[in-house]
Structures are given as structure tokens and as C-alpha cells.
Amino acid sequence: MGVHDTARKPMGNGDKIQKLDEAIRQEPKDAELYVRRAVLRHDQDERELAMVDLDSAVELNPFHSEALSLRAALYIGDGEYDECIEDCNAALAIDPNHDRAYCSRAAAWLAKDEYVKVIADFDRALALDPTNPGAFYWRGVAKEHLGDIQGAKVDFEMCEALKPPYTEDE
């Protein structure tokens, strides 16, 4: 048997979830464990279970800005825009530099046709992470809705410049 035969294989998400299940059984009041499991469950398209974990994390620690922000993103997928905005507001009250919370809240504002608020939130997100092509794109969409065609064009160009090049496999 060679050295490589005994090397540990990387754990798949299912194995990681099982490890987190055990960790949660041992530390049921650790909000971070629920957040980590929620991310893995979301990656496996187990959205409902991810939401249950995020609800548990927020119940255990109402000041967990990452749990609030992740739950807000799930609310968007359900069309629950007011809940998304509420969780983003709470996350941003805790951590005003949480760029993903600004992006999620902007997405909810976009769904509600609140274009000035969309632009304001994406402005804040881009001040924190100027390499986010999606923020440029969706801010451009909002600018377009408000008639700022030149501003939208600039944002769409920035989006294109920041997107990684496509390969033939895509």
C-alpha cells in the first residue's frame, strides 16, 4: 500500500453535515454550528432545512449578522421581501460593513420597484467590495429603470470587465 492510498479523501457535504449533526448534538446552543450546516444544506439544495438551521441560529444568537444575512438571501428566493429587508436591517445594525446584507436588501428593493433604494444599497455594497460584478449589473438595471441610461451603461461595462472569462466547458 502506497502513501497516497492512505491519504484522507476530502469530505463531501453529506459527510460534513453528519459531522455537524454530531457537533450540534454535543453543543446544541452553538449558533455558528447551525450556520455552517445551513450553508452546506443550501449547497445541496436543501433550502427548507437550511432555513430551519438559520432560524435556530438566530434564535440562539439574535446578533449573528451572518445568520441574518444568509436567512435574508433565502427569503428573497421565497418572495418574502419584507422579511428579507427586516433581516438585512438587523444584520447591518450589528455589522454596517456587511456587503452581502446590502446586496440582499437591494435585491428585495428591486423586487419592490424601489430603484432609488436599490442604487443606495448597491453603492454601499460596492464601496465595501468594488469587485462584485452582480452589484454593478443590478445597480445598472435600477439606473435604467430611473432613466439614467449613461449610468446604467457604465455599470454594465464594469460588470463585464469584472466577470471571469468563459471557458469552452461552459
Protein backbone atom coordinates (compact mmCIF):
# COMPACT_ATOMS: atom_id res chain seq x y z
CA MET A 1 0.00 0.00 0.00
CA GLY A 2 1.45 3.38 -1.05
CA VAL A 3 1.44 6.67 0.75
CA HIS A 4 -1.35 8.00 -1.45
CA ASP A 5 -3.56 5.00 -0.69
CA THR A 6 -3.86 6.03 2.95
CA ALA A 7 -4.36 9.75 2.31
CA ARG A 8 -7.64 11.09 3.62
CA LYS A 9 -10.21 11.81 0.98
CA PRO A 10 -11.85 15.21 1.16
CA MET A 11 -15.20 15.05 2.88
CA GLY A 12 -18.30 15.59 0.78
CA ASN A 13 -21.11 17.82 2.03
CA GLY A 14 -23.06 14.81 3.28
CA ASP A 15 -20.13 13.76 5.48
CA LYS A 16 -19.65 17.34 6.67
CA ILE A 17 -23.34 17.59 7.55
CA GLN A 18 -23.10 14.36 9.55
CA LYS A 19 -20.11 15.77 11.45
CA LEU A 20 -22.05 18.95 12.15
CA ASP A 21 -25.08 16.92 13.25
CA GLU A 22 -22.85 15.27 15.85
CA ALA A 23 -21.29 18.60 16.87
CA ILE A 24 -24.76 20.11 17.32
CA ARG A 25 -25.81 17.17 19.48
CA GLN A 26 -22.79 17.90 21.69
CA GLU A 27 -23.13 21.73 21.58
CA PRO A 28 -26.82 22.45 20.85
CA LYS A 29 -26.51 26.14 21.80
CA ASP A 30 -23.68 26.97 19.36
CA ALA A 31 -25.28 29.18 16.70
CA GLU A 32 -22.21 29.01 14.45
CA LEU A 33 -22.64 25.25 14.00
CA TYR A 34 -26.18 25.79 12.72
CA VAL A 35 -24.96 28.46 10.28
CA ARG A 36 -22.24 26.18 8.93
CA ARG A 37 -24.74 23.35 8.47
CA ALA A 38 -27.22 25.72 6.80
CA VAL A 39 -24.61 26.70 4.21
CA LEU A 40 -23.90 23.05 3.42
CA ARG A 41 -27.61 22.23 3.24
CA HIS A 42 -28.20 25.15 0.91
CA ASP A 43 -25.34 23.92 -1.31
CA GLN A 44 -27.17 20.59 -1.52
CA ASP A 45 -30.46 22.27 -2.49
CA GLU A 46 -31.97 21.53 0.92
CA ARG A 47 -33.36 25.03 1.23
CA GLU A 48 -36.05 24.28 3.81
CA LEU A 49 -33.57 22.56 6.12
CA ALA A 50 -31.12 25.43 5.64
CA MET A 51 -33.86 27.85 6.71
CA VAL A 52 -34.60 25.77 9.82
CA ASP A 53 -30.91 25.90 10.76
CA LEU A 54 -30.73 29.65 10.20
CA ASP A 55 -33.88 30.17 12.27
CA SER A 56 -32.22 28.16 15.05
CA ALA A 57 -29.01 30.17 14.78
CA VAL A 58 -30.87 33.48 15.00
CA GLU A 59 -32.96 32.21 17.92
CA LEU A 60 -29.78 31.23 19.76
CA ASN A 61 -27.93 34.42 18.84
CA PRO A 62 -30.08 37.29 17.54
CA PHE A 63 -26.86 39.27 16.93
CA HIS A 64 -25.35 36.78 14.46
CA SER A 65 -25.12 39.06 11.42
CA GLU A 66 -24.07 36.27 9.05
CA ALA A 67 -27.07 34.10 10.02
CA LEU A 68 -29.39 37.08 9.49
CA SER A 69 -27.83 37.88 6.13
CA LEU A 70 -27.97 34.30 4.90
CA ARG A 71 -31.58 33.94 6.02
CA ALA A 72 -32.39 37.19 4.20
CA ALA A 73 -31.00 35.74 0.99
CA LEU A 74 -33.26 32.70 1.39
CA TYR A 75 -36.25 34.97 1.96
CA ILE A 76 -35.62 36.56 -1.44
CA GLY A 77 -35.95 33.15 -3.10
CA ASP A 78 -39.34 32.76 -1.44
CA GLY A 79 -40.53 36.19 -2.48
CA GLU A 80 -40.64 37.29 1.18
CA TYR A 81 -39.11 40.71 0.53
CA ASP A 82 -40.25 42.45 3.72
CA GLU A 83 -38.71 39.66 5.83
CA CYS A 84 -35.52 39.94 3.80
CA ILE A 85 -35.34 43.69 4.40
CA GLU A 86 -36.01 43.19 8.12
CA ASP A 87 -33.17 40.65 8.47
CA CYS A 88 -30.80 42.82 6.42
CA ASN A 89 -31.62 45.83 8.59
CA ALA A 90 -30.85 43.77 11.69
CA ALA A 91 -27.60 42.42 10.20
CA LEU A 92 -26.49 45.91 9.19
CA ALA A 93 -27.30 47.31 12.63
CA ILE A 94 -24.86 44.73 14.01
CA ASP A 95 -22.27 44.98 11.22
CA PRO A 96 -22.59 48.05 8.99
CA ASN A 97 -19.82 46.67 6.75
CA HIS A 98 -21.71 43.53 5.72
CA ASP A 99 -21.66 43.92 1.93
CA ARG A 100 -23.82 40.84 1.27
CA ALA A 101 -26.58 42.24 3.51
CA TYR A 102 -26.61 45.40 1.38
CA CYS A 103 -26.81 43.25 -1.77
CA SER A 104 -29.68 41.15 -0.42
CA ARG A 105 -31.59 44.20 0.73
CA ALA A 106 -31.02 45.83 -2.66
CA ALA A 107 -32.44 42.73 -4.35
CA ALA A 108 -35.56 42.98 -2.19
CA TRP A 109 -35.89 46.69 -3.01
CA LEU A 110 -35.53 45.83 -6.70
CA ALA A 111 -38.39 43.34 -6.45
CA LYS A 112 -40.48 46.11 -4.85
CA ASP A 113 -39.55 48.60 -7.63
CA GLU A 114 -37.79 50.87 -5.12
CA TYR A 115 -34.99 51.85 -7.52
CA VAL A 116 -33.51 54.75 -5.53
CA LYS A 117 -33.09 52.40 -2.53
CA VAL A 118 -31.59 49.72 -4.83
CA ILE A 119 -28.94 52.16 -6.02
CA ALA A 120 -28.17 53.38 -2.50
CA ASP A 121 -27.67 49.83 -1.19
CA PHE A 122 -25.54 48.77 -4.15
CA ASP A 123 -23.49 51.96 -3.74
CA ARG A 124 -22.77 50.89 -0.15
CA ALA A 125 -22.04 47.29 -1.18
CA LEU A 126 -19.65 48.41 -3.91
CA ALA A 127 -17.87 50.78 -1.52
CA LEU A 128 -17.14 47.68 0.58
CA ASP A 129 -16.42 45.30 -2.32
CA PRO A 130 -15.74 47.06 -5.62
CA THR A 131 -15.13 43.72 -7.38
CA ASN A 132 -18.74 42.48 -7.24
CA PRO A 133 -19.97 42.21 -10.85
CA GLY A 134 -23.54 41.38 -9.80
CA ALA A 135 -23.81 44.57 -7.78
CA PHE A 136 -22.76 46.61 -10.82
CA TYR A 137 -25.23 44.75 -13.03
CA TRP A 138 -28.27 45.13 -10.79
CA ARG A 139 -27.43 48.73 -9.94
CA GLY A 140 -27.32 49.31 -13.69
CA VAL A 141 -30.77 47.77 -14.04
CA ALA A 142 -32.11 50.14 -11.38
CA LYS A 143 -30.46 53.13 -13.07
CA GLU A 144 -32.01 52.06 -16.36
CA HIS A 145 -35.46 52.00 -14.73
CA LEU A 146 -34.89 55.54 -13.49
CA GLY A 147 -33.86 56.73 -16.96
CA ASP A 148 -30.13 57.05 -16.23
CA ILE A 149 -29.07 55.25 -19.40
CA GLN A 150 -25.47 56.53 -19.30
CA GLY A 151 -25.06 55.47 -15.66
CA ALA A 152 -26.54 52.06 -16.46
CA LYS A 153 -24.14 51.67 -19.39
CA VAL A 154 -21.15 52.40 -17.15
CA ASP A 155 -22.35 49.84 -14.58
CA PHE A 156 -22.96 47.17 -17.25
CA GLU A 157 -19.45 47.79 -18.62
CA MET A 158 -17.97 47.42 -15.13
CA CYS A 159 -19.92 44.20 -14.69
CA GLU A 160 -18.49 42.80 -17.93
CA ALA A 161 -14.97 43.88 -17.02
CA LEU A 162 -15.18 42.09 -13.65
CA LYS A 163 -16.77 38.85 -14.82
CA PRO A 164 -14.31 35.99 -15.23
CA PRO A 165 -13.82 34.90 -18.85
CA TYR A 166 -15.86 31.96 -20.02
CA THR A 167 -14.19 28.72 -20.97
CA GLU A 168 -15.24 26.30 -23.70
CA ASP A 169 -16.61 23.99 -21.00
CA GLU A 170 -19.35 26.44 -20.10
